[in-house]
């Protein structure tokens, strides 16, 4: 699937923005628990959906971009995105329907750049909780620093029909110290990991954790 300008556009014009980094003192930081910013859409091939929802998520706005491919000759379900009040985020696709879902933090409600200026140096990892996922997903997180520099880490999941978590250790992003002190945008990219499509998954939360807050959970770890 092609990479939409939603992500590519983050690299444009960031160098012109000069703001003081936000020093984060807390050991843990909730990025999004999908409890606010309710939204629902069915995305069909050739008609991707881009939407910005306001709420209590990091930065106050969540950008969602959902794409379905290919055409639906069997009249299958499209890629259906649902974020009900209170969460979680749910994505469902039909038989042989592939998808791409992008979640971005660091935009305003009109889609303009609103950099987070987030100091991540006191954090150890990004933890993502799923309520379940019935097929393999290709899952990447991209962190954007000033000037458009970006750093990514990914994992291919396996089906899991109960709640599970994935840790993305910040050290594996290989981010220079200066850029870790000022992250402007966070993007989560989830796309079809199986030739059969037909994906159903639910996202419960995304958080930044400090070393003292890793806790009891036995999470998958992005390589």
Protein backbone atom coordinates (compact mmCIF):
# COMPACT_ATOMS: atom_id res chain seq x y z
CA UNK A 1 0.00 0.00 0.00
CA UNK A 2 1.17 3.52 -0.68
CA UNK A 3 2.30 5.89 2.03
CA UNK A 4 -0.18 8.73 2.25
CA UNK A 5 0.78 12.37 2.50
CA UNK A 6 -0.67 12.29 6.04
CA UNK A 7 2.65 10.84 7.24
CA UNK A 8 4.90 12.35 4.59
CA UNK A 9 3.58 15.82 5.37
CA UNK A 10 4.97 15.64 8.87
CA UNK A 11 8.46 16.03 7.45
CA UNK A 12 7.63 19.33 5.72
CA UNK A 13 8.24 22.64 7.40
CA UNK A 14 9.06 21.34 10.86
CA UNK A 15 12.45 23.03 10.81
CA UNK A 16 10.77 26.43 10.78
CA UNK A 17 9.05 25.78 14.11
CA UNK A 18 11.02 26.90 17.16
CA UNK A 19 9.46 26.07 20.52
CA UNK A 20 10.90 25.21 23.91
CA UNK A 21 10.85 21.47 24.65
CA UNK A 22 8.43 20.24 27.29
CA UNK A 23 10.31 18.68 30.19
CA UNK A 24 8.33 15.64 31.37
CA UNK A 25 8.84 14.84 35.03
CA UNK A 26 6.35 11.99 35.42
CA UNK A 27 7.55 8.41 35.07
CA UNK A 28 4.58 7.43 32.92
CA UNK A 29 2.55 9.35 30.36
CA UNK A 30 -0.71 8.31 28.73
CA UNK A 31 -0.68 9.05 25.02
CA UNK A 32 -4.22 7.80 24.33
CA UNK A 33 -6.74 5.45 25.92
CA UNK A 34 -9.36 6.14 23.21
CA UNK A 35 -11.91 7.15 25.86
CA UNK A 36 -12.53 10.48 24.10
CA UNK A 37 -12.65 11.60 20.48
CA UNK A 38 -15.40 9.18 19.44
CA UNK A 39 -15.53 8.52 15.68
CA UNK A 40 -16.82 5.93 13.21
CA UNK A 41 -16.22 5.52 9.48
CA UNK A 42 -16.30 2.86 6.74
CA UNK A 43 -13.37 3.31 4.34
CA UNK A 44 -13.64 1.90 0.82
CA UNK A 45 -10.93 1.33 -1.78
CA UNK A 46 -10.08 4.59 -3.51
CA UNK A 47 -11.75 6.65 -0.77
CA UNK A 48 -9.38 6.84 2.23
CA UNK A 49 -10.64 8.73 5.26
CA UNK A 50 -8.67 11.38 7.15
CA UNK A 51 -10.14 12.79 10.36
CA UNK A 52 -9.06 14.74 13.44
CA UNK A 53 -10.77 14.18 16.79
CA UNK A 54 -10.34 16.32 19.90
CA UNK A 55 -10.14 14.95 23.43
CA UNK A 56 -7.87 14.09 26.33
CA UNK A 57 -5.23 12.31 24.24
CA UNK A 58 -1.65 13.66 24.18
CA UNK A 59 -1.68 17.04 22.44
CA UNK A 60 -5.48 17.21 22.58
CA UNK A 61 -6.04 15.86 19.04
CA UNK A 62 -5.86 12.43 17.42
CA UNK A 63 -5.44 12.16 13.67
CA UNK A 64 -6.78 9.00 12.01
CA UNK A 65 -6.18 7.93 8.42
CA UNK A 66 -7.74 4.67 7.25
CA UNK A 67 -7.33 3.08 3.83
CA UNK A 68 -8.87 -0.07 2.37
CA UNK A 69 -7.64 -1.98 -0.68
CA UNK A 70 -8.29 -3.50 -3.14
CA UNK A 71 -11.75 -3.09 -4.66
CA UNK A 72 -14.49 -5.21 -3.11
CA UNK A 73 -15.67 -7.55 -5.92
CA UNK A 74 -17.37 -9.90 -3.45
CA UNK A 75 -19.22 -7.04 -1.76
CA UNK A 76 -17.22 -7.63 1.41
CA UNK A 77 -17.21 -5.36 4.39
CA UNK A 78 -14.91 -2.35 3.93
CA UNK A 79 -12.34 -1.25 6.50
CA UNK A 80 -14.53 -0.14 9.40
CA UNK A 81 -13.00 2.06 12.09
CA UNK A 82 -14.95 2.61 15.30
CA UNK A 83 -13.95 4.58 18.40
CA UNK A 84 -17.02 4.57 20.67
CA UNK A 85 -17.30 6.82 23.74
CA UNK A 86 -15.09 5.27 26.39
CA UNK A 87 -13.11 3.25 23.83
CA UNK A 88 -11.51 1.08 22.69
CA UNK A 89 -10.47 1.70 19.08
CA UNK A 90 -11.78 -1.13 16.89
CA UNK A 91 -10.84 -1.90 13.29
CA UNK A 92 -12.70 -4.56 11.27
CA UNK A 93 -12.16 -5.50 7.63
CA UNK A 94 -13.87 -7.89 5.24
CA UNK A 95 -12.60 -11.02 3.50
CA UNK A 96 -9.43 -10.30 1.46
CA UNK A 97 -9.67 -6.59 2.32
CA UNK A 98 -6.30 -5.07 3.19
CA UNK A 99 -6.02 -1.99 5.35
CA UNK A 100 -3.69 0.73 6.58
CA UNK A 101 -4.47 2.67 9.75
CA UNK A 102 -2.39 5.64 10.85
CA UNK A 103 -2.77 7.38 14.21
CA UNK A 104 -0.91 10.66 14.61
CA UNK A 105 -0.39 12.94 17.60
CA UNK A 106 0.99 16.44 17.06
CA UNK A 107 -1.66 18.07 14.85
CA UNK A 108 -4.48 20.46 15.68
CA UNK A 109 -8.16 19.91 14.91
CA UNK A 110 -7.71 21.50 11.47
CA UNK A 111 -4.81 19.21 10.60
CA UNK A 112 -2.11 21.84 11.04
CA UNK A 113 1.16 21.01 12.73
CA UNK A 114 1.00 21.42 16.51
CA UNK A 115 4.29 19.91 17.69
CA UNK A 116 4.26 18.08 21.02
CA UNK A 117 7.79 19.25 21.97
CA UNK A 118 7.93 16.18 24.18
CA UNK A 119 11.03 15.31 26.20
CA UNK A 120 11.21 11.50 26.18
CA UNK A 121 14.55 11.14 27.99
CA UNK A 122 12.95 10.02 31.27
CA UNK A 123 11.00 7.24 29.53
CA UNK A 124 12.12 3.73 28.73
CA UNK A 125 9.51 2.45 26.27
CA UNK A 126 6.18 2.90 24.51
CA UNK A 127 3.63 0.29 25.56
CA UNK A 128 0.56 -0.49 23.46
CA UNK A 129 -2.30 -2.59 24.86
CA UNK A 130 -4.60 -4.56 22.58
CA UNK A 131 -7.87 -6.17 23.64
CA UNK A 132 -7.19 -8.77 20.94
CA UNK A 133 -6.18 -9.22 17.29
CA UNK A 134 -7.37 -12.16 15.20
CA UNK A 135 -4.71 -12.16 12.43
CA UNK A 136 -1.15 -10.96 11.94
CA UNK A 137 -0.56 -7.20 11.87
CA UNK A 138 2.44 -5.22 10.66
CA UNK A 139 2.81 -2.55 13.35
CA UNK A 140 5.26 0.36 13.32
CA UNK A 141 5.75 3.41 15.51
CA UNK A 142 7.49 6.48 14.07
CA UNK A 143 8.84 9.32 16.22
CA UNK A 144 9.47 12.66 14.51
CA UNK A 145 11.96 15.20 15.83
CA UNK A 146 12.57 18.81 14.78
CA UNK A 147 13.68 19.27 11.19
CA UNK A 148 11.75 16.23 9.99
CA UNK A 149 14.18 13.66 11.34
CA UNK A 150 12.29 10.49 12.10
CA UNK A 151 12.99 7.17 13.79
CA UNK A 152 10.93 3.99 13.55
CA UNK A 153 10.57 0.56 15.13
CA UNK A 154 8.24 -2.24 14.05
CA UNK A 155 6.98 -5.72 14.76
CA UNK A 156 4.83 -8.34 13.02
CA UNK A 157 2.27 -9.64 15.48
CA UNK A 158 0.68 -13.07 15.64
CA UNK A 159 -3.01 -13.71 16.35
CA UNK A 160 -4.01 -13.30 19.98
CA UNK A 161 -7.63 -13.60 21.12
CA UNK A 162 -7.17 -12.08 24.56
CA UNK A 163 -5.64 -8.83 25.87
CA UNK A 164 -1.91 -8.45 25.22
CA UNK A 165 0.68 -5.70 25.13
CA UNK A 166 3.64 -4.76 22.93
CA UNK A 167 6.64 -2.79 24.17
CA UNK A 168 8.66 -0.54 21.85
CA UNK A 169 11.90 0.20 23.77
CA UNK A 170 12.98 3.77 23.07
CA UNK A 171 16.63 2.69 22.97
CA UNK A 172 15.90 0.58 19.89
CA UNK A 173 14.75 3.63 17.92
CA UNK A 174 18.41 4.78 17.97
CA UNK A 175 17.42 8.39 18.58
CA UNK A 176 20.23 10.87 19.36
CA UNK A 177 19.97 12.42 22.82
CA UNK A 178 19.20 15.88 21.43
CA UNK A 179 16.25 14.56 19.44
CA UNK A 180 14.92 12.49 22.36
CA UNK A 181 14.60 15.79 24.22
CA UNK A 182 12.19 17.22 21.65
CA UNK A 183 9.83 14.80 19.88
CA UNK A 184 7.29 16.72 17.81
CA UNK A 185 5.03 14.01 16.41
CA UNK A 186 4.15 10.39 17.22
CA UNK A 187 2.69 8.12 14.53
CA UNK A 188 1.35 4.58 14.90
CA UNK A 189 0.96 2.65 11.64
CA UNK A 190 -0.94 -0.65 11.54
CA UNK A 191 -1.45 -2.51 8.29
CA UNK A 192 -2.40 -5.90 6.94
CA UNK A 193 0.06 -8.62 7.83
CA UNK A 194 -1.80 -11.46 6.09
CA UNK A 195 -2.65 -12.08 2.44
CA UNK A 196 -6.20 -12.95 3.48
CA UNK A 197 -6.91 -9.57 5.06
CA UNK A 198 -10.04 -9.90 7.18
CA UNK A 199 -8.50 -8.24 10.21
CA UNK A 200 -10.27 -7.50 13.48
CA UNK A 201 -8.44 -5.86 16.36
CA UNK A 202 -9.05 -3.52 19.29
CA UNK A 203 -6.57 -1.03 20.73
CA UNK A 204 -6.99 -0.15 24.40
CA UNK A 205 -4.17 2.27 25.20
CA UNK A 206 -0.81 3.78 24.25
CA UNK A 207 1.57 4.98 26.98
CA UNK A 208 5.13 6.07 27.60
CA UNK A 209 6.64 4.26 30.59
CA UNK A 210 9.64 4.98 32.76
CA UNK A 211 11.98 2.22 33.99
CA UNK A 212 10.14 2.04 37.33
CA UNK A 213 6.74 1.58 35.68
CA UNK A 214 7.35 -1.45 33.46
CA UNK A 215 5.38 -3.50 35.99
CA UNK A 216 4.13 -7.05 35.96
CA UNK A 217 2.96 -7.28 32.36
CA UNK A 218 4.66 -9.84 30.12
CA UNK A 219 4.62 -7.97 26.82
CA UNK A 220 5.91 -8.77 23.39
CA UNK A 221 8.96 -6.63 22.61
CA UNK A 222 9.60 -5.07 19.21
CA UNK A 223 12.94 -6.42 17.92
